[in-house]
Amino acid sequence: MKRVVRNTPITLYVTVAIVCVVIVAIALLSSYAYLDSRAQRISSENDDRTPPSRRWSRTTA
């Protein structure tokens, strides 16, 4: 029982860390996808206004 009690906090911290990393990764991916679709929508709407130089810098950045 002592081994289980000693190892439980470590496994608990590892599990919580993995869950936090997964949640942060999903949040980042969803925000990047949302920003990317929003940027594509804005660029498609303002296609005639934006010069090719600014469009090029936006895609490379």
PDB file of N, CA and C in Angstrom:
ATOM      1  N   MET A   1       0.819  -1.206   0.000  1.00  0.00           N
ATOM      2  CA  MET A   1       0.000   0.000   0.000  1.00  0.00           C
ATOM      3  C   MET A   1       0.864   1.272   0.000  1.00  0.00           C
ATOM      4  N   LYS A   2       2.037   1.195   0.651  1.00  0.00           N
ATOM      5  CA  LYS A   2       2.884   2.387   0.698  1.00  0.00           C
ATOM      6  C   LYS A   2       3.355   2.783  -0.707  1.00  0.00           C
ATOM      7  N   ARG A   3       3.690   1.775  -1.551  1.00  0.00           N
ATOM      8  CA  ARG A   3       4.126   2.097  -2.910  1.00  0.00           C
ATOM      9  C   ARG A   3       3.014   2.812  -3.675  1.00  0.00           C
ATOM     10  N   VAL A   4       1.778   2.330  -3.538  1.00  0.00           N
ATOM     11  CA  VAL A   4       0.663   2.940  -4.240  1.00  0.00           C
ATOM     12  C   VAL A   4       0.480   4.377  -3.768  1.00  0.00           C
ATOM     13  N   VAL A   5       0.585   4.608  -2.455  1.00  0.00           N
ATOM     14  CA  VAL A   5       0.396   5.952  -1.921  1.00  0.00           C
ATOM     15  C   VAL A   5       1.513   6.872  -2.410  1.00  0.00           C
ATOM     16  N   ARG A   6       2.745   6.350  -2.483  1.00  0.00           N
ATOM     17  CA  ARG A   6       3.849   7.191  -2.941  1.00  0.00           C
ATOM     18  C   ARG A   6       3.742   7.488  -4.436  1.00  0.00           C
ATOM     19  N   ASN A   7       3.293   6.523  -5.229  1.00  0.00           N
ATOM     20  CA  ASN A   7       3.250   6.717  -6.676  1.00  0.00           C
ATOM     21  C   ASN A   7       1.990   7.448  -7.144  1.00  0.00           C
ATOM     22  N   THR A   8       0.961   7.480  -6.313  1.00  0.00           N
ATOM     23  CA  THR A   8      -0.296   8.078  -6.753  1.00  0.00           C
ATOM     24  C   THR A   8      -0.152   9.565  -7.071  1.00  0.00           C
ATOM     25  N   PRO A   9       0.490  10.398  -6.243  1.00  0.00           N
ATOM     26  CA  PRO A   9       0.603  11.822  -6.599  1.00  0.00           C
ATOM     27  C   PRO A   9       1.363  12.041  -7.903  1.00  0.00           C
ATOM     28  N   ILE A  10       2.407  11.248  -8.155  1.00  0.00           N
ATOM     29  CA  ILE A  10       3.192  11.411  -9.376  1.00  0.00           C
ATOM     30  C   ILE A  10       2.320  11.098 -10.591  1.00  0.00           C
ATOM     31  N   THR A  11       1.618   9.985 -10.554  1.00  0.00           N
ATOM     32  CA  THR A  11       0.756   9.630 -11.685  1.00  0.00           C
ATOM     33  C   THR A  11      -0.372  10.641 -11.827  1.00  0.00           C
ATOM     34  N   LEU A  12      -0.854  11.162 -10.702  1.00  0.00           N
ATOM     35  CA  LEU A  12      -1.914  12.165 -10.760  1.00  0.00           C
ATOM     36  C   LEU A  12      -1.404  13.427 -11.443  1.00  0.00           C
ATOM     37  N   TYR A  13      -0.203  13.877 -11.053  1.00  0.00           N
ATOM     38  CA  TYR A  13       0.375  15.067 -11.692  1.00  0.00           C
ATOM     39  C   TYR A  13       0.615  14.828 -13.178  1.00  0.00           C
ATOM     40  N   VAL A  14       1.113  13.644 -13.526  1.00  0.00           N
ATOM     41  CA  VAL A  14       1.370  13.332 -14.932  1.00  0.00           C
ATOM     42  C   VAL A  14       0.068  13.332 -15.719  1.00  0.00           C
ATOM     43  N   THR A  15      -0.968  12.738 -15.152  1.00  0.00           N
ATOM     44  CA  THR A  15      -2.263  12.698 -15.836  1.00  0.00           C
ATOM     45  C   THR A  15      -2.821  14.108 -16.029  1.00  0.00           C
ATOM     46  N   VAL A  16      -2.745  14.921 -14.967  1.00  0.00           N
ATOM     47  CA  VAL A  16      -3.247  16.296 -15.064  1.00  0.00           C
ATOM     48  C   VAL A  16      -2.434  17.077 -16.089  1.00  0.00           C
ATOM     49  N   ALA A  17      -1.113  16.879 -16.121  1.00  0.00           N
ATOM     50  CA  ALA A  17      -0.264  17.593 -17.083  1.00  0.00           C
ATOM     51  C   ALA A  17      -0.627  17.184 -18.509  1.00  0.00           C
ATOM     52  N   ILE A  18      -0.833  15.880 -18.738  1.00  0.00           N
ATOM     53  CA  ILE A  18      -1.186  15.411 -20.081  1.00  0.00           C
ATOM     54  C   ILE A  18      -2.531  15.991 -20.505  1.00  0.00           C
ATOM     55  N   VAL A  19      -3.501  15.985 -19.591  1.00  0.00           N
ATOM     56  CA  VAL A  19      -4.820  16.529 -19.912  1.00  0.00           C
ATOM     57  C   VAL A  19      -4.715  18.017 -20.232  1.00  0.00           C
ATOM     58  N   CYS A  20      -3.909  18.755 -19.439  1.00  0.00           N
ATOM     59  CA  CYS A  20      -3.747  20.191 -19.704  1.00  0.00           C
ATOM     60  C   CYS A  20      -3.095  20.417 -21.056  1.00  0.00           C
ATOM     61  N   VAL A  21      -2.072  19.630 -21.385  1.00  0.00           N
ATOM     62  CA  VAL A  21      -1.396  19.782 -22.679  1.00  0.00           C
ATOM     63  C   VAL A  21      -2.368  19.501 -23.816  1.00  0.00           C
ATOM     64  N   VAL A  22      -3.185  18.467 -23.671  1.00  0.00           N
ATOM     65  CA  VAL A  22      -4.151  18.135 -24.722  1.00  0.00           C
ATOM     66  C   VAL A  22      -5.163  19.260 -24.883  1.00  0.00           C
ATOM     67  N   ILE A  23      -5.650  19.802 -23.763  1.00  0.00           N
ATOM     68  CA  ILE A  23      -6.641  20.882 -23.836  1.00  0.00           C
ATOM     69  C   ILE A  23      -6.031  22.113 -24.495  1.00  0.00           C
ATOM     70  N   VAL A  24      -4.791  22.453 -24.111  1.00  0.00           N
ATOM     71  CA  VAL A  24      -4.129  23.625 -24.697  1.00  0.00           C
ATOM     72  C   VAL A  24      -3.886  23.396 -26.188  1.00  0.00           C
ATOM     73  N   ALA A  25      -3.477  22.178 -26.553  1.00  0.00           N
ATOM     74  CA  ALA A  25      -3.223  21.888 -27.969  1.00  0.00           C
ATOM     75  C   ALA A  25      -4.509  22.012 -28.781  1.00  0.00           C
ATOM     76  N   ILE A  26      -5.616  21.486 -28.257  1.00  0.00           N
ATOM     77  CA  ILE A  26      -6.888  21.579 -28.975  1.00  0.00           C
ATOM     78  C   ILE A  26      -7.324  23.038 -29.089  1.00  0.00           C
ATOM     79  N   ALA A  27      -7.136  23.806 -28.007  1.00  0.00           N
ATOM     80  CA  ALA A  27      -7.521  25.219 -28.042  1.00  0.00           C
ATOM     81  C   ALA A  27      -6.684  25.983 -29.063  1.00  0.00           C
ATOM     82  N   LEU A  28      -5.372  25.720 -29.094  1.00  0.00           N
ATOM     83  CA  LEU A  28      -4.504  26.405 -30.048  1.00  0.00           C
ATOM     84  C   LEU A  28      -4.870  26.031 -31.476  1.00  0.00           C
ATOM     85  N   LEU A  29      -5.098  24.735 -31.714  1.00  0.00           N
ATOM     86  CA  LEU A  29      -5.438  24.298 -33.073  1.00  0.00           C
ATOM     87  C   LEU A  29      -6.764  24.912 -33.517  1.00  0.00           C
ATOM     88  N   SER A  30      -7.745  24.932 -32.631  1.00  0.00           N
ATOM     89  CA  SER A  30      -9.042  25.491 -33.010  1.00  0.00           C
ATOM     90  C   SER A  30      -8.932  26.994 -33.241  1.00  0.00           C
ATOM     91  N   SER A  31      -8.146  27.685 -32.398  1.00  0.00           N
ATOM     92  CA  SER A  31      -7.998  29.130 -32.588  1.00  0.00           C
ATOM     93  C   SER A  31      -7.230  29.423 -33.870  1.00  0.00           C
ATOM     94  N   TYR A  32      -6.193  28.630 -34.158  1.00  0.00           N
ATOM     95  CA  TYR A  32      -5.455  28.837 -35.405  1.00  0.00           C
ATOM     96  C   TYR A  32      -6.357  28.575 -36.612  1.00  0.00           C
ATOM     97  N   ALA A  33      -7.165  27.527 -36.559  1.00  0.00           N
ATOM     98  CA  ALA A  33      -8.061  27.233 -37.675  1.00  0.00           C
ATOM     99  C   ALA A  33      -9.094  28.346 -37.830  1.00  0.00           C
ATOM    100  N   TYR A  34      -9.603  28.860 -36.694  1.00  0.00           N
ATOM    101  CA  TYR A  34     -10.582  29.941 -36.756  1.00  0.00           C
ATOM    102  C   TYR A  34      -9.946  31.203 -37.324  1.00  0.00           C
ATOM    103  N   LEU A  35      -8.742  31.548 -36.859  1.00  0.00           N
ATOM    104  CA  LEU A  35      -8.064  32.742 -37.368  1.00  0.00           C
ATOM    105  C   LEU A  35      -7.719  32.567 -38.847  1.00  0.00           C
ATOM    106  N   ASP A  36      -7.304  31.363 -39.237  1.00  0.00           N
ATOM    107  CA  ASP A  36      -6.935  31.124 -40.630  1.00  0.00           C
ATOM    108  C   ASP A  36      -8.158  31.275 -41.538  1.00  0.00           C
ATOM    109  N   SER A  37      -9.280  30.681 -41.138  1.00  0.00           N
ATOM    110  CA  SER A  37     -10.484  30.803 -41.960  1.00  0.00           C
ATOM    111  C   SER A  37     -10.960  32.250 -41.988  1.00  0.00           C
ATOM    112  N   ARG A  38     -10.825  32.944 -40.872  1.00  0.00           N
ATOM    113  CA  ARG A  38     -11.234  34.350 -40.825  1.00  0.00           C
ATOM    114  C   ARG A  38     -10.322  35.195 -41.719  1.00  0.00           C
ATOM    115  N   ALA A  39      -9.005  34.924 -41.666  1.00  0.00           N
ATOM    116  CA  ALA A  39      -8.066  35.670 -42.516  1.00  0.00           C
ATOM    117  C   ALA A  39      -8.345  35.390 -43.987  1.00  0.00           C
ATOM    118  N   GLN A  40      -8.640  34.131 -44.326  1.00  0.00           N
ATOM    119  CA  GLN A  40      -8.956  33.811 -45.718  1.00  0.00           C
ATOM    120  C   GLN A  40     -10.237  34.512 -46.148  1.00  0.00           C
ATOM    121  N   ARG A  41     -11.205  34.581 -45.258  1.00  0.00           N
ATOM    122  CA  ARG A  41     -12.462  35.238 -45.587  1.00  0.00           C
ATOM    123  C   ARG A  41     -12.220  36.734 -45.819  1.00  0.00           C
ATOM    124  N   ILE A  42     -11.418  37.369 -44.928  1.00  0.00           N
ATOM    125  CA  ILE A  42     -11.130  38.797 -45.080  1.00  0.00           C
ATOM    126  C   ILE A  42     -10.330  39.031 -46.359  1.00  0.00           C
ATOM    127  N   SER A  43      -9.335  38.189 -46.617  1.00  0.00           N
ATOM    128  CA  SER A  43      -8.508  38.385 -47.810  1.00  0.00           C
ATOM    129  C   SER A  43      -9.339  38.155 -49.078  1.00  0.00           C
ATOM    130  N   SER A  44     -10.283  37.219 -49.042  1.00  0.00           N
ATOM    131  CA  SER A  44     -11.107  36.982 -50.232  1.00  0.00           C
ATOM    132  C   SER A  44     -12.074  38.144 -50.446  1.00  0.00           C
ATOM    133  N   GLU A  45     -12.557  38.747 -49.329  1.00  0.00           N
ATOM    134  CA  GLU A  45     -13.450  39.896 -49.472  1.00  0.00           C
ATOM    135  C   GLU A  45     -12.690  41.115 -49.984  1.00  0.00           C
ATOM    136  N   ASN A  46     -11.469  41.323 -49.463  1.00  0.00           N
ATOM    137  CA  ASN A  46     -10.680  42.498 -49.837  1.00  0.00           C
ATOM    138  C   ASN A  46      -9.622  42.130 -50.883  1.00  0.00           C
ATOM    139  N   ASP A  47      -9.961  41.202 -51.765  1.00  0.00           N
ATOM    140  CA  ASP A  47      -8.971  40.733 -52.731  1.00  0.00           C
ATOM    141  C   ASP A  47      -8.548  41.851 -53.677  1.00  0.00           C
ATOM    142  N   ASP A  48      -9.508  42.696 -54.086  1.00  0.00           N
ATOM    143  CA  ASP A  48      -9.185  43.743 -55.053  1.00  0.00           C
ATOM    144  C   ASP A  48      -8.417  44.888 -54.401  1.00  0.00           C
ATOM    145  N   ARG A  49      -8.624  45.088 -53.088  1.00  0.00           N
ATOM    146  CA  ARG A  49      -8.002  46.233 -52.428  1.00  0.00           C
ATOM    147  C   ARG A  49      -6.554  45.951 -52.042  1.00  0.00           C
ATOM    148  N   THR A  50      -6.273  44.724 -51.570  1.00  0.00           N
ATOM    149  CA  THR A  50      -4.945  44.452 -51.033  1.00  0.00           C
ATOM    150  C   THR A  50      -3.939  44.295 -52.159  1.00  0.00           C
ATOM    151  N   PRO A  51      -2.801  44.989 -52.091  1.00  0.00           N
ATOM    152  CA  PRO A  51      -1.758  44.806 -53.102  1.00  0.00           C
ATOM    153  C   PRO A  51      -1.086  43.449 -52.946  1.00  0.00           C
ATOM    154  N   PRO A  52      -0.454  42.928 -53.997  1.00  0.00           N
ATOM    155  CA  PRO A  52       0.161  41.599 -53.905  1.00  0.00           C
ATOM    156  C   PRO A  52       1.300  41.554 -52.901  1.00  0.00           C
ATOM    157  N   SER A  53       1.965  42.690 -52.645  1.00  0.00           N
ATOM    158  CA  SER A  53       3.086  42.677 -51.703  1.00  0.00           C
ATOM    159  C   SER A  53       2.581  42.402 -50.289  1.00  0.00           C
ATOM    160  N   ARG A  54       1.499  43.060 -49.912  1.00  0.00           N
ATOM    161  CA  ARG A  54       0.960  42.847 -48.565  1.00  0.00           C
ATOM    162  C   ARG A  54       0.428  41.424 -48.430  1.00  0.00           C
ATOM    163  N   ARG A  55      -0.229  40.914 -49.494  1.00  0.00           N
ATOM    164  CA  ARG A  55      -0.741  39.552 -49.457  1.00  0.00           C
ATOM    165  C   ARG A  55       0.416  38.557 -49.308  1.00  0.00           C
ATOM    166  N   TRP A  56       1.528  38.822 -50.001  1.00  0.00           N
ATOM    167  CA  TRP A  56       2.680  37.927 -49.916  1.00  0.00           C
ATOM    168  C   TRP A  56       3.255  37.936 -48.512  1.00  0.00           C
ATOM    169  N   SER A  57       3.396  39.120 -47.897  1.00  0.00           N
ATOM    170  CA  SER A  57       3.959  39.209 -46.556  1.00  0.00           C
ATOM    171  C   SER A  57       3.029  38.531 -45.550  1.00  0.00           C
ATOM    172  N   ARG A  58       1.721  38.613 -45.767  1.00  0.00           N
ATOM    173  CA  ARG A  58       0.790  37.993 -44.837  1.00  0.00           C
ATOM    174  C   ARG A  58       0.908  36.465 -44.894  1.00  0.00           C
ATOM    175  N   THR A  59       1.079  35.911 -46.095  1.00  0.00           N
ATOM    176  CA  THR A  59       1.164  34.454 -46.199  1.00  0.00           C
ATOM    177  C   THR A  59       2.498  33.948 -45.665  1.00  0.00           C
ATOM    178  N   THR A  60       3.580  34.727 -45.826  1.00  0.00           N
ATOM    179  CA  THR A  60       4.890  34.254 -45.358  1.00  0.00           C
ATOM    180  C   THR A  60       5.032  34.416 -43.856  1.00  0.00           C
ATOM    181  N   ALA A  61       4.371  35.417 -43.257  1.00  0.00           N
ATOM    182  CA  ALA A  61       4.520  35.684 -41.826  1.00  0.00           C
ATOM    183  C   ALA A  61       3.873  34.591 -40.988  1.00  0.00           C
TER     184      ALA A  61
END
